[in-house]
Amino acid sequence: MRKIRRFVALLFLALGVAAGGLLNADDRGDHELARQALERGQVLPLRTVLDKIEREYQGQVLKVEFEEDDGRFFYEIRLLQKDGRMAKLEVDAADGRVLKVKRK
């Protein structure tokens, strides 16, 4: 049940649904960009990427950001790993490849 609730919350964030007005105007713009990129087939669905990340990095996703740089799309994902360390991953949104990992 927790996974379903987390998925729904992240889906709201990824698709730009302003649940209860929690997203500011800038967030809505970023999420609208993510929704449009998904509709055009330029990026993988967030759930697909999160399934891969959770399997490979064994952690709980805490935050997801969607970014665009020079026409390329990225998911920035922060997760708390089982060993208690925080990991920040930069993931290519087009193919799900992890491009960069920073751990604290």
PDB file of N, CA and C in Angstrom:
ATOM      1  N   MET A   1       0.823  -1.184   0.000  1.00  0.00           N
ATOM      2  CA  MET A   1       0.000   0.000   0.000  1.00  0.00           C
ATOM      3  C   MET A   1       0.874   1.256   0.000  1.00  0.00           C
ATOM      4  N   ARG A   2       1.999   1.235   0.743  1.00  0.00           N
ATOM      5  CA  ARG A   2       2.900   2.390   0.769  1.00  0.00           C
ATOM      6  C   ARG A   2       3.447   2.671  -0.612  1.00  0.00           C
ATOM      7  N   LYS A   3       3.788   1.597  -1.348  1.00  0.00           N
ATOM      8  CA  LYS A   3       4.325   1.792  -2.691  1.00  0.00           C
ATOM      9  C   LYS A   3       3.292   2.435  -3.602  1.00  0.00           C
ATOM     10  N   ILE A   4       2.044   2.043  -3.460  1.00  0.00           N
ATOM     11  CA  ILE A   4       0.988   2.626  -4.287  1.00  0.00           C
ATOM     12  C   ILE A   4       0.826   4.104  -3.964  1.00  0.00           C
ATOM     13  N   ARG A   5       0.800   4.445  -2.674  1.00  0.00           N
ATOM     14  CA  ARG A   5       0.666   5.857  -2.284  1.00  0.00           C
ATOM     15  C   ARG A   5       1.854   6.666  -2.766  1.00  0.00           C
ATOM     16  N   ARG A   6       3.069   6.107  -2.633  1.00  0.00           N
ATOM     17  CA  ARG A   6       4.265   6.812  -3.088  1.00  0.00           C
ATOM     18  C   ARG A   6       4.210   7.010  -4.594  1.00  0.00           C
ATOM     19  N   PHE A   7       3.786   5.960  -5.308  1.00  0.00           N
ATOM     20  CA  PHE A   7       3.679   6.068  -6.761  1.00  0.00           C
ATOM     21  C   PHE A   7       2.689   7.164  -7.147  1.00  0.00           C
ATOM     22  N   VAL A   8       1.541   7.203  -6.501  1.00  0.00           N
ATOM     23  CA  VAL A   8       0.538   8.206  -6.823  1.00  0.00           C
ATOM     24  C   VAL A   8       1.083   9.605  -6.546  1.00  0.00           C
ATOM     25  N   ALA A   9       1.752   9.770  -5.422  1.00  0.00           N
ATOM     26  CA  ALA A   9       2.319  11.079  -5.087  1.00  0.00           C
ATOM     27  C   ALA A   9       3.357  11.498  -6.116  1.00  0.00           C
ATOM     28  N   LEU A  10       4.227  10.596  -6.485  1.00  0.00           N
ATOM     29  CA  LEU A  10       5.247  10.918  -7.478  1.00  0.00           C
ATOM     30  C   LEU A  10       4.634  11.139  -8.849  1.00  0.00           C
ATOM     31  N   LEU A  11       3.607  10.394  -9.157  1.00  0.00           N
ATOM     32  CA  LEU A  11       2.924  10.584 -10.428  1.00  0.00           C
ATOM     33  C   LEU A  11       2.322  11.974 -10.499  1.00  0.00           C
ATOM     34  N   PHE A  12       1.698  12.414  -9.403  1.00  0.00           N
ATOM     35  CA  PHE A  12       1.167  13.775  -9.370  1.00  0.00           C
ATOM     36  C   PHE A  12       2.272  14.789  -9.634  1.00  0.00           C
ATOM     37  N   LEU A  13       3.419  14.586  -8.998  1.00  0.00           N
ATOM     38  CA  LEU A  13       4.527  15.508  -9.200  1.00  0.00           C
ATOM     39  C   LEU A  13       5.044  15.454 -10.629  1.00  0.00           C
ATOM     40  N   ALA A  14       5.204  14.256 -11.157  1.00  0.00           N
ATOM     41  CA  ALA A  14       5.775  14.112 -12.495  1.00  0.00           C
ATOM     42  C   ALA A  14       4.858  14.646 -13.580  1.00  0.00           C
ATOM     43  N   LEU A  15       3.574  14.547 -13.387  1.00  0.00           N
ATOM     44  CA  LEU A  15       2.632  14.973 -14.417  1.00  0.00           C
ATOM     45  C   LEU A  15       2.100  16.377 -14.205  1.00  0.00           C
ATOM     46  N   GLY A  16       2.495  17.005 -13.118  1.00  0.00           N
ATOM     47  CA  GLY A  16       2.127  18.398 -12.921  1.00  0.00           C
ATOM     48  C   GLY A  16       0.750  18.625 -12.337  1.00  0.00           C
ATOM     49  N   VAL A  17       0.184  17.662 -11.674  1.00  0.00           N
ATOM     50  CA  VAL A  17      -1.114  17.857 -11.049  1.00  0.00           C
ATOM     51  C   VAL A  17      -0.886  18.590  -9.742  1.00  0.00           C
ATOM     52  N   ALA A  18      -1.495  19.739  -9.603  1.00  0.00           N
ATOM     53  CA  ALA A  18      -1.299  20.553  -8.407  1.00  0.00           C
ATOM     54  C   ALA A  18      -2.281  20.100  -7.331  1.00  0.00           C
ATOM     55  N   ALA A  19      -1.957  19.006  -6.682  1.00  0.00           N
ATOM     56  CA  ALA A  19      -2.841  18.446  -5.658  1.00  0.00           C
ATOM     57  C   ALA A  19      -2.928  19.398  -4.483  1.00  0.00           C
ATOM     58  N   GLY A  20      -4.091  19.959  -4.303  1.00  0.00           N
ATOM     59  CA  GLY A  20      -4.307  20.867  -3.179  1.00  0.00           C
ATOM     60  C   GLY A  20      -3.476  22.127  -3.265  1.00  0.00           C
ATOM     61  N   GLY A  21      -3.008  22.520  -4.444  1.00  0.00           N
ATOM     62  CA  GLY A  21      -2.235  23.741  -4.598  1.00  0.00           C
ATOM     63  C   GLY A  21      -0.841  23.650  -4.014  1.00  0.00           C
ATOM     64  N   LEU A  22      -0.300  22.453  -3.881  1.00  0.00           N
ATOM     65  CA  LEU A  22       1.015  22.286  -3.256  1.00  0.00           C
ATOM     66  C   LEU A  22       2.160  22.675  -4.172  1.00  0.00           C
ATOM     67  N   LEU A  23       1.926  22.756  -5.475  1.00  0.00           N
ATOM     68  CA  LEU A  23       2.982  23.088  -6.414  1.00  0.00           C
ATOM     69  C   LEU A  23       2.932  24.572  -6.739  1.00  0.00           C
ATOM     70  N   ASN A  24       4.099  25.216  -6.766  1.00  0.00           N
ATOM     71  CA  ASN A  24       4.096  26.621  -7.153  1.00  0.00           C
ATOM     72  C   ASN A  24       4.103  26.732  -8.675  1.00  0.00           C
ATOM     73  N   ALA A  25       4.040  27.934  -9.198  1.00  0.00           N
ATOM     74  CA  ALA A  25       3.928  28.135 -10.651  1.00  0.00           C
ATOM     75  C   ALA A  25       5.119  27.542 -11.395  1.00  0.00           C
ATOM     76  N   ASP A  26       6.329  27.676 -10.863  1.00  0.00           N
ATOM     77  CA  ASP A  26       7.512  27.123 -11.528  1.00  0.00           C
ATOM     78  C   ASP A  26       7.440  25.608 -11.601  1.00  0.00           C
ATOM     79  N   ASP A  27       6.994  24.956 -10.512  1.00  0.00           N
ATOM     80  CA  ASP A  27       6.855  23.501 -10.508  1.00  0.00           C
ATOM     81  C   ASP A  27       5.865  23.052 -11.568  1.00  0.00           C
ATOM     82  N   ARG A  28       4.751  23.768 -11.683  1.00  0.00           N
ATOM     83  CA  ARG A  28       3.747  23.393 -12.673  1.00  0.00           C
ATOM     84  C   ARG A  28       4.333  23.473 -14.071  1.00  0.00           C
ATOM     85  N   GLY A  29       5.171  24.473 -14.333  1.00  0.00           N
ATOM     86  CA  GLY A  29       5.805  24.603 -15.647  1.00  0.00           C
ATOM     87  C   GLY A  29       6.725  23.429 -15.932  1.00  0.00           C
ATOM     88  N   ASP A  30       7.528  23.036 -14.958  1.00  0.00           N
ATOM     89  CA  ASP A  30       8.426  21.896 -15.123  1.00  0.00           C
ATOM     90  C   ASP A  30       7.643  20.615 -15.344  1.00  0.00           C
ATOM     91  N   HIS A  31       6.563  20.454 -14.628  1.00  0.00           N
ATOM     92  CA  HIS A  31       5.783  19.228 -14.733  1.00  0.00           C
ATOM     93  C   HIS A  31       4.984  19.187 -16.037  1.00  0.00           C
ATOM     94  N   GLU A  32       4.595  20.335 -16.502  1.00  0.00           N
ATOM     95  CA  GLU A  32       3.937  20.389 -17.813  1.00  0.00           C
ATOM     96  C   GLU A  32       4.930  19.987 -18.897  1.00  0.00           C
ATOM     97  N   LEU A  33       6.170  20.425 -18.770  1.00  0.00           N
ATOM     98  CA  LEU A  33       7.228  20.020 -19.702  1.00  0.00           C
ATOM     99  C   LEU A  33       7.414  18.507 -19.668  1.00  0.00           C
ATOM    100  N   ALA A  34       7.402  17.928 -18.467  1.00  0.00           N
ATOM    101  CA  ALA A  34       7.554  16.475 -18.334  1.00  0.00           C
ATOM    102  C   ALA A  34       6.385  15.745 -18.985  1.00  0.00           C
ATOM    103  N   ARG A  35       5.172  16.234 -18.767  1.00  0.00           N
ATOM    104  CA  ARG A  35       3.993  15.603 -19.354  1.00  0.00           C
ATOM    105  C   ARG A  35       4.053  15.642 -20.874  1.00  0.00           C
ATOM    106  N   GLN A  36       4.445  16.781 -21.424  1.00  0.00           N
ATOM    107  CA  GLN A  36       4.524  16.923 -22.874  1.00  0.00           C
ATOM    108  C   GLN A  36       5.608  16.011 -23.458  1.00  0.00           C
ATOM    109  N   ALA A  37       6.755  15.946 -22.790  1.00  0.00           N
ATOM    110  CA  ALA A  37       7.842  15.075 -23.266  1.00  0.00           C
ATOM    111  C   ALA A  37       7.407  13.612 -23.235  1.00  0.00           C
ATOM    112  N   LEU A  38       6.663  13.227 -22.209  1.00  0.00           N
ATOM    113  CA  LEU A  38       6.161  11.862 -22.114  1.00  0.00           C
ATOM    114  C   LEU A  38       5.176  11.575 -23.250  1.00  0.00           C
ATOM    115  N   GLU A  39       4.273  12.498 -23.500  1.00  0.00           N
ATOM    116  CA  GLU A  39       3.299  12.319 -24.580  1.00  0.00           C
ATOM    117  C   GLU A  39       3.966  12.204 -25.946  1.00  0.00           C
ATOM    118  N   ARG A  40       5.062  12.921 -26.150  1.00  0.00           N
ATOM    119  CA  ARG A  40       5.800  12.862 -27.421  1.00  0.00           C
ATOM    120  C   ARG A  40       6.721  11.648 -27.516  1.00  0.00           C
ATOM    121  N   GLY A  41       6.805  10.873 -26.434  1.00  0.00           N
ATOM    122  CA  GLY A  41       7.667   9.696 -26.441  1.00  0.00           C
ATOM    123  C   GLY A  41       9.140  10.012 -26.279  1.00  0.00           C
ATOM    124  N   GLN A  42       9.446  11.199 -25.772  1.00  0.00           N
ATOM    125  CA  GLN A  42      10.841  11.606 -25.585  1.00  0.00           C
ATOM    126  C   GLN A  42      11.441  11.085 -24.292  1.00  0.00           C
ATOM    127  N   VAL A  43      10.593  10.700 -23.347  1.00  0.00           N
ATOM    128  CA  VAL A  43      11.075  10.225 -22.051  1.00  0.00           C
ATOM    129  C   VAL A  43      10.308   8.978 -21.640  1.00  0.00           C
ATOM    130  N   LEU A  44      10.926   8.218 -20.767  1.00  0.00           N
ATOM    131  CA  LEU A  44      10.261   7.058 -20.178  1.00  0.00           C
ATOM    132  C   LEU A  44       9.313   7.525 -19.077  1.00  0.00           C
ATOM    133  N   PRO A  45       8.265   6.768 -18.835  1.00  0.00           N
ATOM    134  CA  PRO A  45       7.408   7.104 -17.686  1.00  0.00           C
ATOM    135  C   PRO A  45       8.216   7.038 -16.393  1.00  0.00           C
ATOM    136  N   LEU A  46       7.885   7.915 -15.486  1.00  0.00           N
ATOM    137  CA  LEU A  46       8.590   7.963 -14.211  1.00  0.00           C
ATOM    138  C   LEU A  46       8.550   6.618 -13.504  1.00  0.00           C
ATOM    139  N   ARG A  47       7.411   5.947 -13.513  1.00  0.00           N
ATOM    140  CA  ARG A  47       7.291   4.650 -12.826  1.00  0.00           C
ATOM    141  C   ARG A  47       8.299   3.648 -13.371  1.00  0.00           C
ATOM    142  N   THR A  48       8.516   3.628 -14.666  1.00  0.00           N
ATOM    143  CA  THR A  48       9.485   2.720 -15.280  1.00  0.00           C
ATOM    144  C   THR A  48      10.885   2.997 -14.741  1.00  0.00           C
ATOM    145  N   VAL A  49      11.234   4.261 -14.674  1.00  0.00           N
ATOM    146  CA  VAL A  49      12.557   4.658 -14.175  1.00  0.00           C
ATOM    147  C   VAL A  49      12.694   4.318 -12.690  1.00  0.00           C
ATOM    148  N   LEU A  50      11.659   4.621 -11.904  1.00  0.00           N
ATOM    149  CA  LEU A  50      11.727   4.351 -10.466  1.00  0.00           C
ATOM    150  C   LEU A  50      11.831   2.862 -10.167  1.00  0.00           C
ATOM    151  N   ASP A  51      11.125   2.035 -10.920  1.00  0.00           N
ATOM    152  CA  ASP A  51      11.228   0.580 -10.719  1.00  0.00           C
ATOM    153  C   ASP A  51      12.676   0.127 -10.897  1.00  0.00           C
ATOM    154  N   LYS A  52      13.319   0.616 -11.939  1.00  0.00           N
ATOM    155  CA  LYS A  52      14.715   0.253 -12.226  1.00  0.00           C
ATOM    156  C   LYS A  52      15.645   0.757 -11.114  1.00  0.00           C
ATOM    157  N   ILE A  53      15.477   1.996 -10.723  1.00  0.00           N
ATOM    158  CA  ILE A  53      16.342   2.598  -9.699  1.00  0.00           C
ATOM    159  C   ILE A  53      16.177   1.873  -8.359  1.00  0.00           C
ATOM    160  N   GLU A  54      14.937   1.626  -7.966  1.00  0.00           N
ATOM    161  CA  GLU A  54      14.704   0.957  -6.685  1.00  0.00           C
ATOM    162  C   GLU A  54      15.286  -0.449  -6.671  1.00  0.00           C
ATOM    163  N   ARG A  55      15.236  -1.129  -7.793  1.00  0.00           N
ATOM    164  CA  ARG A  55      15.823  -2.474  -7.889  1.00  0.00           C
ATOM    165  C   ARG A  55      17.348  -2.414  -7.807  1.00  0.00           C
ATOM    166  N   GLU A  56      17.943  -1.521  -8.562  1.00  0.00           N
ATOM    167  CA  GLU A  56      19.406  -1.470  -8.657  1.00  0.00           C
ATOM    168  C   GLU A  56      20.082  -0.805  -7.459  1.00  0.00           C
ATOM    169  N   TYR A  57      19.430   0.154  -6.834  1.00  0.00           N
ATOM    170  CA  TYR A  57      20.075   0.911  -5.765  1.00  0.00           C
ATOM    171  C   TYR A  57      19.483   0.649  -4.390  1.00  0.00           C
ATOM    172  N   GLN A  58      18.504  -0.225  -4.299  1.00  0.00           N
ATOM    173  CA  GLN A  58      17.941  -0.678  -3.021  1.00  0.00           C
ATOM    174  C   GLN A  58      17.714   0.480  -2.048  1.00  0.00           C
ATOM    175  N   GLY A  59      16.752   1.321  -2.384  1.00  0.00           N
ATOM    176  CA  GLY A  59      16.457   2.427  -1.502  1.00  0.00           C
ATOM    177  C   GLY A  59      15.054   2.949  -1.679  1.00  0.00           C
ATOM    178  N   GLN A  60      14.701   3.890  -0.817  1.00  0.00           N
ATOM    179  CA  GLN A  60      13.391   4.516  -0.853  1.00  0.00           C
ATOM    180  C   GLN A  60      13.522   5.892  -1.505  1.00  0.00           C
ATOM    181  N   VAL A  61      12.759   6.113  -2.554  1.00  0.00           N
ATOM    182  CA  VAL A  61      12.787   7.387  -3.258  1.00  0.00           C
ATOM    183  C   VAL A  61      12.181   8.456  -2.364  1.00  0.00           C
ATOM    184  N   LEU A  62      12.924   9.565  -2.214  1.00  0.00           N
ATOM    185  CA  LEU A  62      12.457  10.669  -1.389  1.00  0.00           C
ATOM    186  C   LEU A  62      12.024  11.874  -2.209  1.00  0.00           C
ATOM    187  N   LYS A  63      12.690  12.074  -3.343  1.00  0.00           N
ATOM    188  CA  LYS A  63      12.410  13.269  -4.140  1.00  0.00           C
ATOM    189  C   LYS A  63      12.746  12.990  -5.600  1.00  0.00           C
ATOM    190  N   VAL A  64      11.926  13.541  -6.493  1.00  0.00           N
ATOM    191  CA  VAL A  64      12.175  13.417  -7.926  1.00  0.00           C
ATOM    192  C   VAL A  64      12.034  14.798  -8.551  1.00  0.00           C
ATOM    193  N   GLU A  65      13.008  15.161  -9.372  1.00  0.00           N
ATOM    194  CA  GLU A  65      12.923  16.402 -10.132  1.00  0.00           C
ATOM    195  C   GLU A  65      13.102  16.061 -11.603  1.00  0.00           C
ATOM    196  N   PHE A  66      12.427  16.809 -12.454  1.00  0.00           N
ATOM    197  CA  PHE A  66      12.540  16.638 -13.895  1.00  0.00           C
ATOM    198  C   PHE A  66      13.229  17.871 -14.443  1.00  0.00           C
ATOM    199  N   GLU A  67      14.291  17.652 -15.231  1.00  0.00           N
ATOM    200  CA  GLU A  67      15.064  18.774 -15.745  1.00  0.00           C
ATOM    201  C   GLU A  67      15.333  18.598 -17.223  1.00  0.00           C
ATOM    202  N   GLU A  68      15.542  19.723 -17.900  1.00  0.00           N
ATOM    203  CA  GLU A  68      15.880  19.738 -19.316  1.00  0.00           C
ATOM    204  C   GLU A  68      17.142  20.561 -19.483  1.00  0.00           C
ATOM    205  N   ASP A  69      18.084  20.061 -20.287  1.00  0.00           N
ATOM    206  CA  ASP A  69      19.331  20.776 -20.543  1.00  0.00           C
ATOM    207  C   ASP A  69      19.719  20.535 -21.994  1.00  0.00           C
ATOM    208  N   ASP A  70      19.738  21.593 -22.783  1.00  0.00           N
ATOM    209  CA  ASP A  70      20.096  21.509 -24.202  1.00  0.00           C
ATOM    210  C   ASP A  70      19.293  20.443 -24.943  1.00  0.00           C
ATOM    211  N   GLY A  71      17.995  20.389 -24.675  1.00  0.00           N
ATOM    212  CA  GLY A  71      17.130  19.455 -25.376  1.00  0.00           C
ATOM    213  C   GLY A  71      17.141  18.033 -24.841  1.00  0.00           C
ATOM    214  N   ARG A  72      17.954  17.760 -23.820  1.00  0.00           N
ATOM    215  CA  ARG A  72      17.981  16.429 -23.189  1.00  0.00           C
ATOM    216  C   ARG A  72      17.247  16.507 -21.867  1.00  0.00           C
ATOM    217  N   PHE A  73      16.533  15.441 -21.555  1.00  0.00           N
ATOM    218  CA  PHE A  73      15.732  15.405 -20.334  1.00  0.00           C
ATOM    219  C   PHE A  73      16.355  14.460 -19.317  1.00  0.00           C
ATOM    220  N   PHE A  74      16.273  14.865 -18.041  1.00  0.00           N
ATOM    221  CA  PHE A  74      16.856  14.095 -16.948  1.00  0.00           C
ATOM    222  C   PHE A  74      15.881  14.019 -15.791  1.00  0.00           C
ATOM    223  N   TYR A  75      15.941  12.904 -15.075  1.00  0.00           N
ATOM    224  CA  TYR A  75      15.290  12.797 -13.774  1.00  0.00           C
ATOM    225  C   TYR A  75      16.412  12.894 -12.750  1.00  0.00           C
ATOM    226  N   GLU A  76      16.243  13.766 -11.769  1.00  0.00           N
ATOM    227  CA  GLU A  76      17.160  13.811 -10.638  1.00  0.00           C
ATOM    228  C   GLU A  76      16.423  13.148  -9.486  1.00  0.00           C
ATOM    229  N   ILE A  77      16.963  12.053  -9.008  1.00  0.00           N
ATOM    230  CA  ILE A  77      16.270  11.240  -8.015  1.00  0.00           C
ATOM    231  C   ILE A  77      17.118  11.146  -6.749  1.00  0.00           C
ATOM    232  N   ARG A  78      16.505  11.460  -5.625  1.00  0.00           N
ATOM    233  CA  ARG A  78      17.179  11.299  -4.327  1.00  0.00           C
ATOM    234  C   ARG A  78      16.529  10.139  -3.614  1.00  0.00           C
ATOM    235  N   LEU A  79      17.377   9.258  -3.094  1.00  0.00           N
ATOM    236  CA  LEU A  79      16.823   8.138  -2.354  1.00  0.00           C
ATOM    237  C   LEU A  79      17.651   7.828  -1.130  1.00  0.00           C
ATOM    238  N   LEU A  80      16.964   7.283  -0.152  1.00  0.00           N
ATOM    239  CA  LEU A  80      17.592   6.849   1.082  1.00  0.00           C
ATOM    240  C   LEU A  80      17.850   5.362   0.926  1.00  0.00           C
ATOM    241  N   GLN A  81      19.131   4.994   0.954  1.00  0.00           N
ATOM    242  CA  GLN A  81      19.476   3.595   0.759  1.00  0.00           C
ATOM    243  C   GLN A  81      19.383   2.830   2.070  1.00  0.00           C
ATOM    244  N   LYS A  82      19.337   1.514   1.951  1.00  0.00           N
ATOM    245  CA  LYS A  82      19.152   0.658   3.124  1.00  0.00           C
ATOM    246  C   LYS A  82      20.250   0.833   4.167  1.00  0.00           C
ATOM    247  N   ASP A  83      21.444   1.240   3.724  1.00  0.00           N
ATOM    248  CA  ASP A  83      22.542   1.435   4.669  1.00  0.00           C
ATOM    249  C   ASP A  83      22.490   2.802   5.351  1.00  0.00           C
ATOM    250  N   GLY A  84      21.419   3.584   5.057  1.00  0.00           N
ATOM    251  CA  GLY A  84      21.242   4.879   5.696  1.00  0.00           C
ATOM    252  C   GLY A  84      21.841   6.040   4.939  1.00  0.00           C
ATOM    253  N   ARG A  85      22.575   5.763   3.861  1.00  0.00           N
ATOM    254  CA  ARG A  85      23.171   6.845   3.092  1.00  0.00           C
ATOM    255  C   ARG A  85      22.173   7.415   2.096  1.00  0.00           C
ATOM    256  N   MET A  86      22.361   8.691   1.789  1.00  0.00           N
ATOM    257  CA  MET A  86      21.539   9.365   0.799  1.00  0.00           C
ATOM    258  C   MET A  86      22.264   9.275  -0.543  1.00  0.00           C
ATOM    259  N   ALA A  87      21.525   8.984  -1.590  1.00  0.00           N
ATOM    260  CA  ALA A  87      22.097   8.938  -2.930  1.00  0.00           C
ATOM    261  C   ALA A  87      21.323   9.892  -3.828  1.00  0.00           C
ATOM    262  N   LYS A  88      22.047  10.649  -4.624  1.00  0.00           N
ATOM    263  CA  LYS A  88      21.449  11.549  -5.602  1.00  0.00           C
ATOM    264  C   LYS A  88      21.862  11.030  -6.970  1.00  0.00           C
ATOM    265  N   LEU A  89      20.878  10.657  -7.775  1.00  0.00           N
ATOM    266  CA  LEU A  89      21.155  10.074  -9.076  1.00  0.00           C
ATOM    267  C   LEU A  89      20.659  10.987 -10.175  1.00  0.00           C
ATOM    268  N   GLU A  90      21.460  11.126 -11.197  1.00  0.00           N
ATOM    269  CA  GLU A  90      21.032  11.814 -12.409  1.00  0.00           C
ATOM    270  C   GLU A  90      20.772  10.725 -13.432  1.00  0.00           C
ATOM    271  N   VAL A  91      19.535  10.673 -13.928  1.00  0.00           N
ATOM    272  CA  VAL A  91      19.108   9.590 -14.804  1.00  0.00           C
ATOM    273  C   VAL A  91      18.645  10.172 -16.130  1.00  0.00           C
ATOM    274  N   ASP A  92      19.137   9.615 -17.230  1.00  0.00           N
ATOM    275  CA  ASP A  92      18.682  10.020 -18.552  1.00  0.00           C
ATOM    276  C   ASP A  92      17.218   9.605 -18.678  1.00  0.00           C
ATOM    277  N   ALA A  93      16.331  10.578 -18.868  1.00  0.00           N
ATOM    278  CA  ALA A  93      14.897  10.295 -18.910  1.00  0.00           C
ATOM    279  C   ALA A  93      14.490   9.561 -20.182  1.00  0.00           C
ATOM    280  N   ALA A  94      15.331   9.603 -21.210  1.00  0.00           N
ATOM    281  CA  ALA A  94      14.990   8.947 -22.471  1.00  0.00           C
ATOM    282  C   ALA A  94      15.180   7.436 -22.415  1.00  0.00           C
ATOM    283  N   ASP A  95      16.212   6.977 -21.684  1.00  0.00           N
ATOM    284  CA  ASP A  95      16.492   5.536 -21.684  1.00  0.00           C
ATOM    285  C   ASP A  95      16.682   4.932 -20.294  1.00  0.00           C
ATOM    286  N   GLY A  96      16.636   5.752 -19.244  1.00  0.00           N
ATOM    287  CA  GLY A  96      16.736   5.240 -17.883  1.00  0.00           C
ATOM    288  C   GLY A  96      18.141   4.967 -17.404  1.00  0.00           C
ATOM    289  N   ARG A  97      19.151   5.340 -18.207  1.00  0.00           N
ATOM    290  CA  ARG A  97      20.547   5.120 -17.784  1.00  0.00           C
ATOM    291  C   ARG A  97      20.908   6.065 -16.648  1.00  0.00           C
ATOM    292  N   VAL A  98      21.578   5.529 -15.637  1.00  0.00           N
ATOM    293  CA  VAL A  98      22.089   6.360 -14.550  1.00  0.00           C
ATOM    294  C   VAL A  98      23.380   6.998 -15.035  1.00  0.00           C
ATOM    295  N   LEU A  99      23.395   8.325 -15.084  1.00  0.00           N
ATOM    296  CA  LEU A  99      24.546   9.045 -15.609  1.00  0.00           C
ATOM    297  C   LEU A  99      25.525   9.470 -14.516  1.00  0.00           C
ATOM    298  N   LYS A 100      24.980   9.705 -13.332  1.00  0.00           N
ATOM    299  CA  LYS A 100      25.829  10.204 -12.246  1.00  0.00           C
ATOM    300  C   LYS A 100      25.213   9.786 -10.917  1.00  0.00           C
ATOM    301  N   VAL A 101      26.073   9.431  -9.968  1.00  0.00           N
ATOM    302  CA  VAL A 101      25.626   9.078  -8.619  1.00  0.00           C
ATOM    303  C   VAL A 101      26.497   9.833  -7.621  1.00  0.00           C
ATOM    304  N   LYS A 102      25.861  10.493  -6.673  1.00  0.00           N
ATOM    305  CA  LYS A 102      26.558  11.123  -5.557  1.00  0.00           C
ATOM    306  C   LYS A 102      25.965  10.558  -4.291  1.00  0.00           C
ATOM    307  N   ARG A 103      26.845  10.128  -3.385  1.00  0.00           N
ATOM    308  CA  ARG A 103      26.371   9.574  -2.105  1.00  0.00           C
ATOM    309  C   ARG A 103      26.890  10.403  -0.949  1.00  0.00           C
ATOM    310  N   LYS A 104      26.063  10.480   0.087  1.00  0.00           N
ATOM    311  CA  LYS A 104      26.462  11.216   1.309  1.00  0.00           C
ATOM    312  C   LYS A 104      26.322  10.284   2.484  1.00  0.00           C
TER     313      LYS A 104
END
